[in-house]
Amino acid sequence: GRIVMLADHYAALRSCRAYKVAFDHNRAVEIITEGDEQTQPEFYDPELLQAFKNTSSLWAEIFDQMQENACNKTGST
């Protein structure tokens, strides 16, 4: 559950919502690791947060690939 919570938060920060713009990877990492007015690093398991920091470039790569795949779908089943 702790991993899913962090992944969901990263995806939400990177995605455009009706109430906010999408943040780039660096800003999303900054918010998760350093905090902002709504998020604090203490929300996350310390070991998980360190693993996130160590692998953050992979998160960007995976997110971008998933976005590209979603955009390439034609909607046909």
PDB file of N, CA and C in Angstrom:
ATOM      1  N   GLY A   1       0.794  -1.186   0.000  1.00  0.00           N
ATOM      2  CA  GLY A   1       0.000   0.000   0.000  1.00  0.00           C
ATOM      3  C   GLY A   1       0.849   1.269   0.000  1.00  0.00           C
ATOM      4  N   ARG A   2       1.988   1.241   0.709  1.00  0.00           N
ATOM      5  CA  ARG A   2       2.841   2.427   0.788  1.00  0.00           C
ATOM      6  C   ARG A   2       3.466   2.750  -0.573  1.00  0.00           C
ATOM      7  N   ILE A   3       3.794   1.708  -1.323  1.00  0.00           N
ATOM      8  CA  ILE A   3       4.364   1.918  -2.657  1.00  0.00           C
ATOM      9  C   ILE A   3       3.313   2.501  -3.586  1.00  0.00           C
ATOM     10  N   VAL A   4       2.118   1.949  -3.527  1.00  0.00           N
ATOM     11  CA  VAL A   4       1.027   2.428  -4.381  1.00  0.00           C
ATOM     12  C   VAL A   4       0.699   3.879  -4.058  1.00  0.00           C
ATOM     13  N   MET A   5       0.708   4.233  -2.772  1.00  0.00           N
ATOM     14  CA  MET A   5       0.420   5.613  -2.385  1.00  0.00           C
ATOM     15  C   MET A   5       1.438   6.572  -3.011  1.00  0.00           C
ATOM     16  N   LEU A   6       2.716   6.220  -2.955  1.00  0.00           N
ATOM     17  CA  LEU A   6       3.731   7.088  -3.533  1.00  0.00           C
ATOM     18  C   LEU A   6       3.597   7.152  -5.054  1.00  0.00           C
ATOM     19  N   ALA A   7       3.381   6.015  -5.680  1.00  0.00           N
ATOM     20  CA  ALA A   7       3.230   5.985  -7.137  1.00  0.00           C
ATOM     21  C   ALA A   7       2.009   6.791  -7.581  1.00  0.00           C
ATOM     22  N   ASP A   8       0.914   6.674  -6.848  1.00  0.00           N
ATOM     23  CA  ASP A   8      -0.293   7.426  -7.175  1.00  0.00           C
ATOM     24  C   ASP A   8      -0.057   8.922  -7.024  1.00  0.00           C
ATOM     25  N   HIS A   9       0.646   9.304  -5.993  1.00  0.00           N
ATOM     26  CA  HIS A   9       0.925  10.725  -5.782  1.00  0.00           C
ATOM     27  C   HIS A   9       1.827  11.262  -6.903  1.00  0.00           C
ATOM     28  N   TYR A  10       2.842  10.502  -7.277  1.00  0.00           N
ATOM     29  CA  TYR A  10       3.720  10.913  -8.377  1.00  0.00           C
ATOM     30  C   TYR A  10       2.905  11.082  -9.661  1.00  0.00           C
ATOM     31  N   ALA A  11       2.064  10.103  -9.980  1.00  0.00           N
ATOM     32  CA  ALA A  11       1.251  10.174 -11.200  1.00  0.00           C
ATOM     33  C   ALA A  11       0.295  11.359 -11.155  1.00  0.00           C
ATOM     34  N   ALA A  12      -0.293  11.624  -9.994  1.00  0.00           N
ATOM     35  CA  ALA A  12      -1.205  12.762  -9.868  1.00  0.00           C
ATOM     36  C   ALA A  12      -0.470  14.081 -10.078  1.00  0.00           C
ATOM     37  N   LEU A  13       0.725  14.187  -9.535  1.00  0.00           N
ATOM     38  CA  LEU A  13       1.502  15.418  -9.724  1.00  0.00           C
ATOM     39  C   LEU A  13       1.890  15.615 -11.189  1.00  0.00           C
ATOM     40  N   ARG A  14       2.200  14.555 -11.880  1.00  0.00           N
ATOM     41  CA  ARG A  14       2.639  14.632 -13.271  1.00  0.00           C
ATOM     42  C   ARG A  14       1.487  14.819 -14.251  1.00  0.00           C
ATOM     43  N   SER A  15       0.261  14.518 -13.811  1.00  0.00           N
ATOM     44  CA  SER A  15      -0.893  14.553 -14.702  1.00  0.00           C
ATOM     45  C   SER A  15      -1.643  15.875 -14.594  1.00  0.00           C
ATOM     46  N   CYS A  16      -2.214  16.288 -15.711  1.00  0.00           N
ATOM     47  CA  CYS A  16      -3.066  17.472 -15.748  1.00  0.00           C
ATOM     48  C   CYS A  16      -4.412  17.106 -15.124  1.00  0.00           C
ATOM     49  N   ARG A  17      -4.882  17.966 -14.261  1.00  0.00           N
ATOM     50  CA  ARG A  17      -6.189  17.792 -13.636  1.00  0.00           C
ATOM     51  C   ARG A  17      -7.012  19.052 -13.900  1.00  0.00           C
ATOM     52  N   ALA A  18      -8.300  18.967 -13.721  1.00  0.00           N
ATOM     53  CA  ALA A  18      -9.169  20.132 -13.938  1.00  0.00           C
ATOM     54  C   ALA A  18      -8.801  21.275 -12.998  1.00  0.00           C
ATOM     55  N   TYR A  19      -8.236  20.955 -11.866  1.00  0.00           N
ATOM     56  CA  TYR A  19      -7.914  21.956 -10.845  1.00  0.00           C
ATOM     57  C   TYR A  19      -6.436  22.330 -10.780  1.00  0.00           C
ATOM     58  N   LYS A  20      -5.588  21.717 -11.634  1.00  0.00           N
ATOM     59  CA  LYS A  20      -4.168  22.048 -11.615  1.00  0.00           C
ATOM     60  C   LYS A  20      -3.494  21.638 -12.923  1.00  0.00           C
ATOM     61  N   VAL A  21      -2.366  22.264 -13.181  1.00  0.00           N
ATOM     62  CA  VAL A  21      -1.552  21.896 -14.333  1.00  0.00           C
ATOM     63  C   VAL A  21      -0.684  20.697 -13.973  1.00  0.00           C
ATOM     64  N   ALA A  22      -0.173  20.030 -14.980  1.00  0.00           N
ATOM     65  CA  ALA A  22       0.756  18.921 -14.759  1.00  0.00           C
ATOM     66  C   ALA A  22       2.127  19.485 -14.422  1.00  0.00           C
ATOM     67  N   PHE A  23       2.778  18.896 -13.434  1.00  0.00           N
ATOM     68  CA  PHE A  23       4.144  19.275 -13.097  1.00  0.00           C
ATOM     69  C   PHE A  23       5.117  18.414 -13.889  1.00  0.00           C
ATOM     70  N   ASP A  24       6.295  18.963 -14.158  1.00  0.00           N
ATOM     71  CA  ASP A  24       7.319  18.145 -14.794  1.00  0.00           C
ATOM     72  C   ASP A  24       7.924  17.202 -13.745  1.00  0.00           C
ATOM     73  N   HIS A  25       8.742  16.278 -14.213  1.00  0.00           N
ATOM     74  CA  HIS A  25       9.325  15.264 -13.331  1.00  0.00           C
ATOM     75  C   HIS A  25      10.096  15.892 -12.179  1.00  0.00           C
ATOM     76  N   ASN A  26      10.945  16.857 -12.480  1.00  0.00           N
ATOM     77  CA  ASN A  26      11.779  17.440 -11.435  1.00  0.00           C
ATOM     78  C   ASN A  26      10.949  18.099 -10.334  1.00  0.00           C
ATOM     79  N   ARG A  27       9.887  18.791 -10.709  1.00  0.00           N
ATOM     80  CA  ARG A  27       9.035  19.433  -9.710  1.00  0.00           C
ATOM     81  C   ARG A  27       8.284  18.389  -8.892  1.00  0.00           C
ATOM     82  N   ALA A  28       7.814  17.334  -9.534  1.00  0.00           N
ATOM     83  CA  ALA A  28       7.123  16.271  -8.805  1.00  0.00           C
ATOM     84  C   ALA A  28       8.052  15.622  -7.781  1.00  0.00           C
ATOM     85  N   VAL A  29       9.283  15.345  -8.174  1.00  0.00           N
ATOM     86  CA  VAL A  29      10.265  14.760  -7.248  1.00  0.00           C
ATOM     87  C   VAL A  29      10.542  15.732  -6.105  1.00  0.00           C
ATOM     88  N   GLU A  30      10.679  16.995  -6.430  1.00  0.00           N
ATOM     89  CA  GLU A  30      10.935  18.007  -5.405  1.00  0.00           C
ATOM     90  C   GLU A  30       9.794  18.052  -4.380  1.00  0.00           C
ATOM     91  N   ILE A  31       8.563  18.017  -4.852  1.00  0.00           N
ATOM     92  CA  ILE A  31       7.413  18.053  -3.950  1.00  0.00           C
ATOM     93  C   ILE A  31       7.400  16.828  -3.045  1.00  0.00           C
ATOM     94  N   ILE A  32       7.634  15.663  -3.615  1.00  0.00           N
ATOM     95  CA  ILE A  32       7.600  14.433  -2.830  1.00  0.00           C
ATOM     96  C   ILE A  32       8.755  14.370  -1.841  1.00  0.00           C
ATOM     97  N   THR A  33       9.938  14.766  -2.247  1.00  0.00           N
ATOM     98  CA  THR A  33      11.115  14.607  -1.392  1.00  0.00           C
ATOM     99  C   THR A  33      11.368  15.777  -0.442  1.00  0.00           C
ATOM    100  N   GLU A  34      10.896  16.971  -0.810  1.00  0.00           N
ATOM    101  CA  GLU A  34      11.149  18.148   0.027  1.00  0.00           C
ATOM    102  C   GLU A  34       9.874  18.730   0.621  1.00  0.00           C
ATOM    103  N   GLY A  35       8.737  18.410   0.016  1.00  0.00           N
ATOM    104  CA  GLY A  35       7.458  18.880   0.519  1.00  0.00           C
ATOM    105  C   GLY A  35       7.016  20.193  -0.096  1.00  0.00           C
ATOM    106  N   ASP A  36       5.757  20.499   0.129  1.00  0.00           N
ATOM    107  CA  ASP A  36       5.155  21.774  -0.241  1.00  0.00           C
ATOM    108  C   ASP A  36       4.037  22.037   0.757  1.00  0.00           C
ATOM    109  N   GLU A  37       3.126  22.926   0.446  1.00  0.00           N
ATOM    110  CA  GLU A  37       2.068  23.264   1.399  1.00  0.00           C
ATOM    111  C   GLU A  37       1.079  22.115   1.640  1.00  0.00           C
ATOM    112  N   GLN A  38       1.047  21.107   0.769  1.00  0.00           N
ATOM    113  CA  GLN A  38       0.117  19.988   0.933  1.00  0.00           C
ATOM    114  C   GLN A  38       0.801  18.656   1.203  1.00  0.00           C
ATOM    115  N   THR A  39       2.052  18.541   0.872  1.00  0.00           N
ATOM    116  CA  THR A  39       2.767  17.272   0.959  1.00  0.00           C
ATOM    117  C   THR A  39       4.017  17.441   1.809  1.00  0.00           C
ATOM    118  N   GLN A  40       4.282  16.460   2.642  1.00  0.00           N
ATOM    119  CA  GLN A  40       5.502  16.446   3.433  1.00  0.00           C
ATOM    120  C   GLN A  40       6.188  15.094   3.251  1.00  0.00           C
ATOM    121  N   PRO A  41       7.512  15.078   3.192  1.00  0.00           N
ATOM    122  CA  PRO A  41       8.226  13.803   3.038  1.00  0.00           C
ATOM    123  C   PRO A  41       7.886  12.794   4.139  1.00  0.00           C
ATOM    124  N   GLU A  42       7.505  13.286   5.304  1.00  0.00           N
ATOM    125  CA  GLU A  42       7.169  12.407   6.420  1.00  0.00           C
ATOM    126  C   GLU A  42       5.935  11.553   6.143  1.00  0.00           C
ATOM    127  N   PHE A  43       5.187  11.878   5.094  1.00  0.00           N
ATOM    128  CA  PHE A  43       4.025  11.083   4.716  1.00  0.00           C
ATOM    129  C   PHE A  43       4.438   9.690   4.241  1.00  0.00           C
ATOM    130  N   TYR A  44       5.689   9.543   3.834  1.00  0.00           N
ATOM    131  CA  TYR A  44       6.160   8.312   3.202  1.00  0.00           C
ATOM    132  C   TYR A  44       7.104   7.546   4.116  1.00  0.00           C
ATOM    133  N   ASP A  45       7.125   6.256   3.940  1.00  0.00           N
ATOM    134  CA  ASP A  45       8.082   5.394   4.625  1.00  0.00           C
ATOM    135  C   ASP A  45       9.492   5.878   4.247  1.00  0.00           C
ATOM    136  N   PRO A  46      10.377   6.100   5.223  1.00  0.00           N
ATOM    137  CA  PRO A  46      11.716   6.635   4.922  1.00  0.00           C
ATOM    138  C   PRO A  46      12.522   5.778   3.948  1.00  0.00           C
ATOM    139  N   GLU A  47      12.430   4.467   4.083  1.00  0.00           N
ATOM    140  CA  GLU A  47      13.168   3.590   3.166  1.00  0.00           C
ATOM    141  C   GLU A  47      12.595   3.674   1.761  1.00  0.00           C
ATOM    142  N   LEU A  48      11.284   3.762   1.656  1.00  0.00           N
ATOM    143  CA  LEU A  48      10.639   3.894   0.351  1.00  0.00           C
ATOM    144  C   LEU A  48      10.998   5.228  -0.288  1.00  0.00           C
ATOM    145  N   LEU A  49      11.024   6.281   0.513  1.00  0.00           N
ATOM    146  CA  LEU A  49      11.386   7.602  -0.004  1.00  0.00           C
ATOM    147  C   LEU A  49      12.826   7.597  -0.527  1.00  0.00           C
ATOM    148  N   GLN A  50      13.717   6.937   0.174  1.00  0.00           N
ATOM    149  CA  GLN A  50      15.103   6.849  -0.291  1.00  0.00           C
ATOM    150  C   GLN A  50      15.185   6.052  -1.590  1.00  0.00           C
ATOM    151  N   ALA A  51      14.436   4.968  -1.675  1.00  0.00           N
ATOM    152  CA  ALA A  51      14.410   4.178  -2.919  1.00  0.00           C
ATOM    153  C   ALA A  51      13.858   5.019  -4.067  1.00  0.00           C
ATOM    154  N   PHE A  52      12.841   5.829  -3.801  1.00  0.00           N
ATOM    155  CA  PHE A  52      12.286   6.720  -4.814  1.00  0.00           C
ATOM    156  C   PHE A  52      13.350   7.701  -5.295  1.00  0.00           C
ATOM    157  N   LYS A  53      14.083   8.300  -4.369  1.00  0.00           N
ATOM    158  CA  LYS A  53      15.151   9.235  -4.746  1.00  0.00           C
ATOM    159  C   LYS A  53      16.198   8.547  -5.609  1.00  0.00           C
ATOM    160  N   ASN A  54      16.568   7.329  -5.225  1.00  0.00           N
ATOM    161  CA  ASN A  54      17.614   6.598  -5.942  1.00  0.00           C
ATOM    162  C   ASN A  54      17.195   6.160  -7.341  1.00  0.00           C
ATOM    163  N   THR A  55      15.902   6.040  -7.564  1.00  0.00           N
ATOM    164  CA  THR A  55      15.404   5.532  -8.853  1.00  0.00           C
ATOM    165  C   THR A  55      14.527   6.543  -9.583  1.00  0.00           C
ATOM    166  N   SER A  56      14.577   7.796  -9.194  1.00  0.00           N
ATOM    167  CA  SER A  56      13.627   8.776  -9.742  1.00  0.00           C
ATOM    168  C   SER A  56      13.715   8.906 -11.261  1.00  0.00           C
ATOM    169  N   SER A  57      14.888   8.734 -11.843  1.00  0.00           N
ATOM    170  CA  SER A  57      14.980   8.837 -13.304  1.00  0.00           C
ATOM    171  C   SER A  57      14.183   7.725 -13.981  1.00  0.00           C
ATOM    172  N   LEU A  58      14.122   6.558 -13.352  1.00  0.00           N
ATOM    173  CA  LEU A  58      13.314   5.468 -13.904  1.00  0.00           C
ATOM    174  C   LEU A  58      11.828   5.790 -13.835  1.00  0.00           C
ATOM    175  N   TRP A  59      11.400   6.481 -12.768  1.00  0.00           N
ATOM    176  CA  TRP A  59      10.002   6.881 -12.644  1.00  0.00           C
ATOM    177  C   TRP A  59       9.611   7.777 -13.812  1.00  0.00           C
ATOM    178  N   ALA A  60      10.486   8.707 -14.163  1.00  0.00           N
ATOM    179  CA  ALA A  60      10.203   9.606 -15.290  1.00  0.00           C
ATOM    180  C   ALA A  60      10.087   8.816 -16.579  1.00  0.00           C
ATOM    181  N   GLU A  61      11.004   7.906 -16.777  1.00  0.00           N
ATOM    182  CA  GLU A  61      11.007   7.096 -17.998  1.00  0.00           C
ATOM    183  C   GLU A  61       9.728   6.267 -18.108  1.00  0.00           C
ATOM    184  N   ILE A  62       9.340   5.625 -17.028  1.00  0.00           N
ATOM    185  CA  ILE A  62       8.133   4.791 -17.030  1.00  0.00           C
ATOM    186  C   ILE A  62       6.886   5.648 -17.237  1.00  0.00           C
ATOM    187  N   PHE A  63       6.804   6.786 -16.525  1.00  0.00           N
ATOM    188  CA  PHE A  63       5.641   7.655 -16.671  1.00  0.00           C
ATOM    189  C   PHE A  63       5.512   8.138 -18.114  1.00  0.00           C
ATOM    190  N   ASP A  64       6.607   8.604 -18.679  1.00  0.00           N
ATOM    191  CA  ASP A  64       6.574   9.104 -20.061  1.00  0.00           C
ATOM    192  C   ASP A  64       6.175   8.008 -21.039  1.00  0.00           C
ATOM    193  N   GLN A  65       6.677   6.801 -20.818  1.00  0.00           N
ATOM    194  CA  GLN A  65       6.325   5.689 -21.692  1.00  0.00           C
ATOM    195  C   GLN A  65       4.840   5.346 -21.564  1.00  0.00           C
ATOM    196  N   MET A  66       4.333   5.357 -20.351  1.00  0.00           N
ATOM    197  CA  MET A  66       2.905   5.063 -20.147  1.00  0.00           C
ATOM    198  C   MET A  66       2.033   6.142 -20.797  1.00  0.00           C
ATOM    199  N   GLN A  67       2.430   7.391 -20.690  1.00  0.00           N
ATOM    200  CA  GLN A  67       1.678   8.480 -21.314  1.00  0.00           C
ATOM    201  C   GLN A  67       1.690   8.324 -22.830  1.00  0.00           C
ATOM    202  N   GLU A  68       2.835   7.991 -23.366  1.00  0.00           N
ATOM    203  CA  GLU A  68       2.953   7.807 -24.818  1.00  0.00           C
ATOM    204  C   GLU A  68       2.072   6.656 -25.277  1.00  0.00           C
ATOM    205  N   ASN A  69       2.076   5.558 -24.544  1.00  0.00           N
ATOM    206  CA  ASN A  69       1.245   4.399 -24.902  1.00  0.00           C
ATOM    207  C   ASN A  69      -0.226   4.765 -24.833  1.00  0.00           C
ATOM    208  N   ALA A  70      -0.628   5.536 -23.834  1.00  0.00           N
ATOM    209  CA  ALA A  70      -2.025   5.918 -23.692  1.00  0.00           C
ATOM    210  C   ALA A  70      -2.454   6.824 -24.855  1.00  0.00           C
ATOM    211  N   CYS A  71      -1.550   7.693 -25.289  1.00  0.00           N
ATOM    212  CA  CYS A  71      -1.863   8.606 -26.394  1.00  0.00           C
ATOM    213  C   CYS A  71      -1.920   7.888 -27.735  1.00  0.00           C
ATOM    214  N   ASN A  72      -1.221   6.774 -27.848  1.00  0.00           N
ATOM    215  CA  ASN A  72      -1.189   6.034 -29.115  1.00  0.00           C
ATOM    216  C   ASN A  72      -2.359   5.082 -29.284  1.00  0.00           C
ATOM    217  N   LYS A  73      -3.123   4.859 -28.235  1.00  0.00           N
ATOM    218  CA  LYS A  73      -4.278   3.952 -28.342  1.00  0.00           C
ATOM    219  C   LYS A  73      -5.358   4.610 -29.187  1.00  0.00           C
ATOM    220  N   THR A  74      -5.951   3.814 -30.017  1.00  0.00           N
ATOM    221  CA  THR A  74      -6.977   4.366 -30.918  1.00  0.00           C
ATOM    222  C   THR A  74      -8.368   4.270 -30.328  1.00  0.00           C
ATOM    223  N   GLY A  75      -8.501   3.527 -29.234  1.00  0.00           N
ATOM    224  CA  GLY A  75      -9.820   3.379 -28.628  1.00  0.00           C
ATOM    225  C   GLY A  75     -10.579   2.169 -29.134  1.00  0.00           C
ATOM    226  N   SER A  76     -10.034   1.461 -30.121  1.00  0.00           N
ATOM    227  CA  SER A  76     -10.721   0.273 -30.614  1.00  0.00           C
ATOM    228  C   SER A  76     -10.379  -0.920 -29.749  1.00  0.00           C
ATOM    229  N   THR A  77     -11.286  -1.855 -29.639  1.00  0.00           N
ATOM    230  CA  THR A  77     -11.059  -3.055 -28.826  1.00  0.00           C
ATOM    231  C   THR A  77     -10.904  -4.275 -29.670  1.00  0.00           C
TER     232      THR A  77
END
